[in-house]
């Protein structure tokens, strides 16, 4: 199987989303707190974000629809961060690397 940057980013988004869900579950078990009111996102999650979130049920079949919606929002936010890193949408080759810049404080 050929690995691509898109596959890596998708896997990283899933891991990040699962870490968020795990953190929320740990916090929920440690201390009772009022249920937060979900804030509507500026942009609804894309079909790709919803599909990735749905795949999380393979890891935890007890996820409800509200949790999947939060995961999809997080994945969509990750996609937005990727757009901020590459605003021109230029296709990168595997050998392309950023130029490191070092700065010494005076």
N, C-alpha and C. Protein backbone atom coordinates (compact mmCIF):
# COMPACT_ATOMS: atom_id res chain seq x y z
N UNK A 1 0.85 -1.17 0.00
CA UNK A 1 0.00 0.00 0.00
C UNK A 1 0.90 1.24 0.00
N UNK A 2 0.63 2.15 -0.88
CA UNK A 2 1.42 3.36 -1.00
C UNK A 2 0.89 4.41 -0.01
N UNK A 3 1.80 4.93 0.80
CA UNK A 3 1.42 5.93 1.80
C UNK A 3 1.50 7.32 1.18
N UNK A 4 0.53 8.15 1.50
CA UNK A 4 0.50 9.50 0.98
C UNK A 4 0.34 10.48 2.12
N UNK A 5 0.58 11.72 1.83
CA UNK A 5 0.40 12.75 2.85
C UNK A 5 -1.07 12.83 3.29
N UNK A 6 -1.98 12.67 2.34
CA UNK A 6 -3.39 12.73 2.69
C UNK A 6 -3.76 11.61 3.65
N UNK A 7 -3.22 10.41 3.40
CA UNK A 7 -3.49 9.29 4.29
C UNK A 7 -2.91 9.56 5.67
N UNK A 8 -1.71 10.13 5.71
CA UNK A 8 -1.10 10.47 6.99
C UNK A 8 -1.92 11.50 7.73
N UNK A 9 -2.36 12.55 7.04
CA UNK A 9 -3.15 13.60 7.68
C UNK A 9 -4.48 13.04 8.18
N UNK A 10 -5.08 12.15 7.40
CA UNK A 10 -6.34 11.54 7.83
C UNK A 10 -6.12 10.71 9.09
N UNK A 11 -5.04 9.93 9.12
CA UNK A 11 -4.75 9.12 10.30
C UNK A 11 -4.45 10.01 11.49
N UNK A 12 -3.70 11.09 11.28
CA UNK A 12 -3.39 12.01 12.37
C UNK A 12 -4.66 12.67 12.91
N UNK A 13 -5.58 13.00 12.02
CA UNK A 13 -6.84 13.61 12.46
C UNK A 13 -7.65 12.62 13.30
N UNK A 14 -7.66 11.36 12.88
CA UNK A 14 -8.41 10.35 13.63
C UNK A 14 -7.79 10.15 15.00
N UNK A 15 -6.46 10.10 15.06
CA UNK A 15 -5.79 9.94 16.35
C UNK A 15 -6.07 11.15 17.24
N UNK A 16 -5.98 12.35 16.67
CA UNK A 16 -6.27 13.54 17.45
C UNK A 16 -7.69 13.56 17.96
N UNK A 17 -8.61 13.16 17.11
CA UNK A 17 -10.01 13.13 17.52
C UNK A 17 -10.24 12.09 18.61
N UNK A 18 -9.58 10.93 18.48
CA UNK A 18 -9.76 9.90 19.50
C UNK A 18 -9.16 10.34 20.82
N UNK A 19 -8.05 11.11 20.76
CA UNK A 19 -7.45 11.61 21.99
C UNK A 19 -8.39 12.61 22.65
N UNK A 20 -9.07 13.40 21.86
CA UNK A 20 -10.02 14.36 22.40
C UNK A 20 -11.17 13.64 23.09
N UNK A 21 -11.68 12.60 22.45
CA UNK A 21 -12.78 11.84 23.03
C UNK A 21 -12.31 11.15 24.30
N UNK A 22 -11.09 10.59 24.31
CA UNK A 22 -10.56 9.93 25.49
C UNK A 22 -10.40 10.92 26.63
N UNK A 23 -9.91 12.12 26.32
CA UNK A 23 -9.72 13.15 27.34
C UNK A 23 -11.07 13.56 27.92
N UNK A 24 -12.06 13.73 27.05
CA UNK A 24 -13.39 14.11 27.53
C UNK A 24 -13.98 13.02 28.41
N UNK A 25 -13.74 11.75 28.05
CA UNK A 25 -14.27 10.65 28.85
C UNK A 25 -13.59 10.60 30.20
N UNK A 26 -12.28 10.84 30.24
CA UNK A 26 -11.56 10.84 31.51
C UNK A 26 -12.03 11.99 32.40
N UNK A 27 -12.25 13.15 31.82
CA UNK A 27 -12.73 14.29 32.60
C UNK A 27 -14.14 14.04 33.11
N UNK A 28 -14.96 13.40 32.30
CA UNK A 28 -16.33 13.12 32.70
C UNK A 28 -16.37 12.14 33.87
N UNK A 29 -15.43 11.19 33.90
CA UNK A 29 -15.40 10.21 34.97
C UNK A 29 -14.82 10.80 36.25
N UNK A 30 -13.91 11.77 36.14
CA UNK A 30 -13.22 12.28 37.31
C UNK A 30 -14.09 13.23 38.14
N UNK A 31 -14.85 14.06 37.53
CA UNK A 31 -15.67 15.02 38.29
C UNK A 31 -16.94 15.33 37.52
N UNK A 32 -18.08 15.34 38.21
CA UNK A 32 -19.31 15.71 37.51
C UNK A 32 -19.30 17.19 37.17
N UNK A 33 -19.73 17.49 36.00
CA UNK A 33 -19.79 18.89 35.58
C UNK A 33 -21.04 19.09 34.73
N UNK A 34 -21.49 20.32 34.62
CA UNK A 34 -22.67 20.56 33.78
C UNK A 34 -22.35 20.24 32.32
N UNK A 35 -23.36 19.80 31.61
CA UNK A 35 -23.18 19.47 30.21
C UNK A 35 -22.98 20.75 29.41
N UNK A 36 -21.86 20.83 28.66
CA UNK A 36 -21.62 22.04 27.87
C UNK A 36 -22.61 22.14 26.72
N UNK A 37 -22.97 23.35 26.41
CA UNK A 37 -23.86 23.60 25.29
C UNK A 37 -23.00 23.63 24.03
N UNK A 38 -23.29 22.75 23.06
CA UNK A 38 -22.47 22.76 21.86
C UNK A 38 -22.63 24.07 21.10
N UNK A 39 -21.52 24.62 20.68
CA UNK A 39 -21.56 25.85 19.90
C UNK A 39 -21.61 25.48 18.43
N UNK A 40 -22.47 26.10 17.68
CA UNK A 40 -22.54 25.78 16.26
C UNK A 40 -21.26 26.24 15.57
N UNK A 41 -20.70 25.36 14.75
CA UNK A 41 -19.47 25.72 14.05
C UNK A 41 -19.79 26.65 12.89
N UNK A 42 -18.79 27.43 12.51
CA UNK A 42 -18.98 28.38 11.42
C UNK A 42 -19.25 27.65 10.11
N UNK A 43 -18.57 26.53 9.92
CA UNK A 43 -18.75 25.74 8.71
C UNK A 43 -19.11 24.31 9.13
N UNK A 44 -20.16 23.75 8.57
CA UNK A 44 -20.49 22.37 8.93
C UNK A 44 -19.40 21.43 8.41
N UNK A 45 -19.19 20.30 9.09
CA UNK A 45 -18.16 19.37 8.66
C UNK A 45 -18.42 18.84 7.24
N UNK A 46 -17.34 18.62 6.52
CA UNK A 46 -17.45 18.10 5.16
C UNK A 46 -17.83 16.62 5.22
N UNK A 47 -18.15 16.07 4.06
CA UNK A 47 -18.49 14.65 3.99
C UNK A 47 -17.30 13.79 4.40
N UNK A 48 -16.08 14.21 4.06
CA UNK A 48 -14.88 13.46 4.44
C UNK A 48 -14.71 13.45 5.95
N UNK A 49 -14.94 14.60 6.60
CA UNK A 49 -14.82 14.68 8.06
C UNK A 49 -15.87 13.80 8.74
N UNK A 50 -17.09 13.82 8.21
CA UNK A 50 -18.15 12.98 8.79
C UNK A 50 -17.84 11.50 8.60
N UNK A 51 -17.28 11.14 7.44
CA UNK A 51 -16.94 9.74 7.18
C UNK A 51 -15.82 9.27 8.11
N UNK A 52 -14.81 10.11 8.32
CA UNK A 52 -13.74 9.75 9.25
C UNK A 52 -14.28 9.61 10.67
N UNK A 53 -15.15 10.50 11.06
CA UNK A 53 -15.74 10.43 12.39
C UNK A 53 -16.57 9.15 12.54
N UNK A 54 -17.28 8.78 11.52
CA UNK A 54 -18.10 7.57 11.56
C UNK A 54 -17.23 6.32 11.74
N UNK A 55 -16.01 6.35 11.18
CA UNK A 55 -15.09 5.22 11.32
C UNK A 55 -14.65 5.03 12.77
N UNK A 56 -14.82 6.05 13.59
CA UNK A 56 -14.45 5.93 15.00
C UNK A 56 -15.33 4.90 15.71
N UNK A 57 -16.49 4.60 15.16
CA UNK A 57 -17.35 3.58 15.78
C UNK A 57 -16.72 2.20 15.71
N UNK A 58 -15.77 2.00 14.80
CA UNK A 58 -15.06 0.73 14.76
C UNK A 58 -14.22 0.56 16.02
N UNK A 59 -13.77 1.66 16.60
CA UNK A 59 -12.95 1.62 17.80
C UNK A 59 -13.79 1.69 19.07
N UNK A 60 -14.91 2.40 19.01
CA UNK A 60 -15.79 2.53 20.17
C UNK A 60 -17.23 2.53 19.69
N UNK A 61 -17.87 1.35 19.66
CA UNK A 61 -19.24 1.27 19.14
C UNK A 61 -20.26 2.01 19.99
N UNK A 62 -19.90 2.45 21.19
CA UNK A 62 -20.85 3.13 22.07
C UNK A 62 -20.91 4.64 21.84
N UNK A 63 -20.17 5.14 20.86
CA UNK A 63 -20.22 6.58 20.57
C UNK A 63 -21.61 6.96 20.08
N UNK A 64 -22.14 8.03 20.64
CA UNK A 64 -23.45 8.48 20.18
C UNK A 64 -23.28 9.54 19.08
N UNK A 65 -24.38 9.96 18.52
CA UNK A 65 -24.34 10.90 17.39
C UNK A 65 -23.76 12.26 17.78
N UNK A 66 -24.01 12.71 19.00
CA UNK A 66 -23.47 14.00 19.44
C UNK A 66 -21.95 13.93 19.54
N UNK A 67 -21.42 12.82 20.04
CA UNK A 67 -19.97 12.66 20.13
C UNK A 67 -19.35 12.61 18.73
N UNK A 68 -20.00 11.91 17.82
CA UNK A 68 -19.50 11.84 16.45
C UNK A 68 -19.53 13.22 15.79
N UNK A 69 -20.53 14.01 16.11
CA UNK A 69 -20.59 15.36 15.55
C UNK A 69 -19.43 16.20 16.06
N UNK A 70 -19.09 16.07 17.35
CA UNK A 70 -17.94 16.80 17.89
C UNK A 70 -16.64 16.33 17.26
N UNK A 71 -16.52 15.02 17.05
CA UNK A 71 -15.32 14.49 16.40
C UNK A 71 -15.21 15.03 14.99
N UNK A 72 -16.32 15.03 14.25
CA UNK A 72 -16.31 15.55 12.88
C UNK A 72 -15.94 17.03 12.85
N UNK A 73 -16.42 17.80 13.83
CA UNK A 73 -16.05 19.22 13.92
C UNK A 73 -14.54 19.36 14.13
N UNK A 74 -13.98 18.52 15.00
CA UNK A 74 -12.54 18.56 15.25
C UNK A 74 -11.73 18.19 14.03
N UNK A 75 -12.19 17.19 13.30
CA UNK A 75 -11.50 16.78 12.07
C UNK A 75 -11.58 17.90 11.04
N UNK A 76 -12.74 18.53 10.90
CA UNK A 76 -12.89 19.64 9.96
C UNK A 76 -11.97 20.79 10.34
N UNK A 77 -11.83 21.04 11.64
CA UNK A 77 -10.92 22.09 12.11
C UNK A 77 -9.48 21.73 11.72
N UNK A 78 -9.13 20.46 11.82
CA UNK A 78 -7.81 20.01 11.40
C UNK A 78 -7.59 20.21 9.91
N UNK A 79 -8.62 19.94 9.13
CA UNK A 79 -8.51 20.20 7.69
C UNK A 79 -8.26 21.68 7.43
N UNK A 80 -8.92 22.56 8.20
CA UNK A 80 -8.73 23.99 8.05
C UNK A 80 -7.31 24.41 8.39
N UNK A 81 -6.73 23.77 9.42
CA UNK A 81 -5.35 24.07 9.77
C UNK A 81 -4.41 23.67 8.63
N UNK A 82 -4.72 22.56 7.98
CA UNK A 82 -3.91 22.15 6.82
C UNK A 82 -3.98 23.19 5.72
N UNK A 83 -5.14 23.80 5.53
CA UNK A 83 -5.28 24.85 4.53
C UNK A 83 -4.49 26.09 4.90
N UNK A 84 -4.38 26.36 6.21
CA UNK A 84 -3.60 27.50 6.66
C UNK A 84 -2.10 27.27 6.44
N UNK A 85 -1.68 26.01 6.55
CA UNK A 85 -0.27 25.69 6.32
C UNK A 85 0.11 25.76 4.85
N UNK A 86 -0.85 25.52 3.99
CA UNK A 86 -0.60 25.53 2.55
C UNK A 86 -1.70 26.35 1.88
N UNK A 87 -1.71 27.68 2.07
CA UNK A 87 -2.83 28.49 1.59
C UNK A 87 -2.99 28.50 0.07
N UNK A 88 -1.91 28.32 -0.67
CA UNK A 88 -2.02 28.34 -2.12
C UNK A 88 -2.45 26.99 -2.69
N UNK A 89 -2.50 25.96 -1.84
CA UNK A 89 -2.92 24.64 -2.29
C UNK A 89 -1.91 24.00 -3.23
N UNK A 90 -0.66 24.39 -3.12
CA UNK A 90 0.39 23.86 -3.99
C UNK A 90 0.64 22.40 -3.64
N UNK A 91 0.69 21.55 -4.65
CA UNK A 91 0.98 20.13 -4.44
C UNK A 91 2.45 19.99 -4.08
N UNK A 92 2.72 19.28 -3.01
CA UNK A 92 4.08 19.08 -2.56
C UNK A 92 4.56 17.69 -2.95
N UNK A 93 5.83 17.60 -3.30
CA UNK A 93 6.44 16.30 -3.57
C UNK A 93 6.98 15.77 -2.26
N UNK A 94 7.28 14.48 -2.20
CA UNK A 94 7.78 13.90 -0.97
C UNK A 94 9.11 14.52 -0.55
N UNK A 95 9.90 14.98 -1.49
CA UNK A 95 11.20 15.57 -1.16
C UNK A 95 11.13 17.02 -0.74
N UNK A 96 9.98 17.67 -0.89
CA UNK A 96 9.84 19.07 -0.51
C UNK A 96 9.84 19.20 1.01
N UNK A 97 10.71 20.05 1.52
CA UNK A 97 10.77 20.28 2.95
C UNK A 97 10.83 21.78 3.20
N UNK A 98 10.34 22.24 4.32
CA UNK A 98 10.43 23.67 4.61
C UNK A 98 11.88 24.06 4.91
N UNK A 99 12.20 25.29 4.62
CA UNK A 99 13.53 25.80 4.91
C UNK A 99 13.56 26.21 6.38
N UNK A 100 14.47 25.61 7.16
CA UNK A 100 14.52 25.98 8.57
C UNK A 100 15.11 27.38 8.75
N UNK A 101 14.55 28.13 9.65
CA UNK A 101 15.05 29.47 9.95
C UNK A 101 15.40 29.51 11.43
N UNK A 102 16.59 29.92 11.73
CA UNK A 102 17.04 30.01 13.11
C UNK A 102 17.26 31.46 13.47
N UNK A 103 16.90 31.80 14.68
CA UNK A 103 17.03 33.18 15.12
C UNK A 103 17.67 33.18 16.51
N UNK A 104 18.66 34.02 16.69
CA UNK A 104 19.34 34.12 17.97
C UNK A 104 18.95 35.45 18.60
N UNK A 105 18.41 35.36 19.80
CA UNK A 105 18.02 36.58 20.51
C UNK A 105 19.24 37.34 20.99
N UNK A 106 19.14 38.66 21.01
CA UNK A 106 20.28 39.47 21.44
C UNK A 106 20.27 39.70 22.93
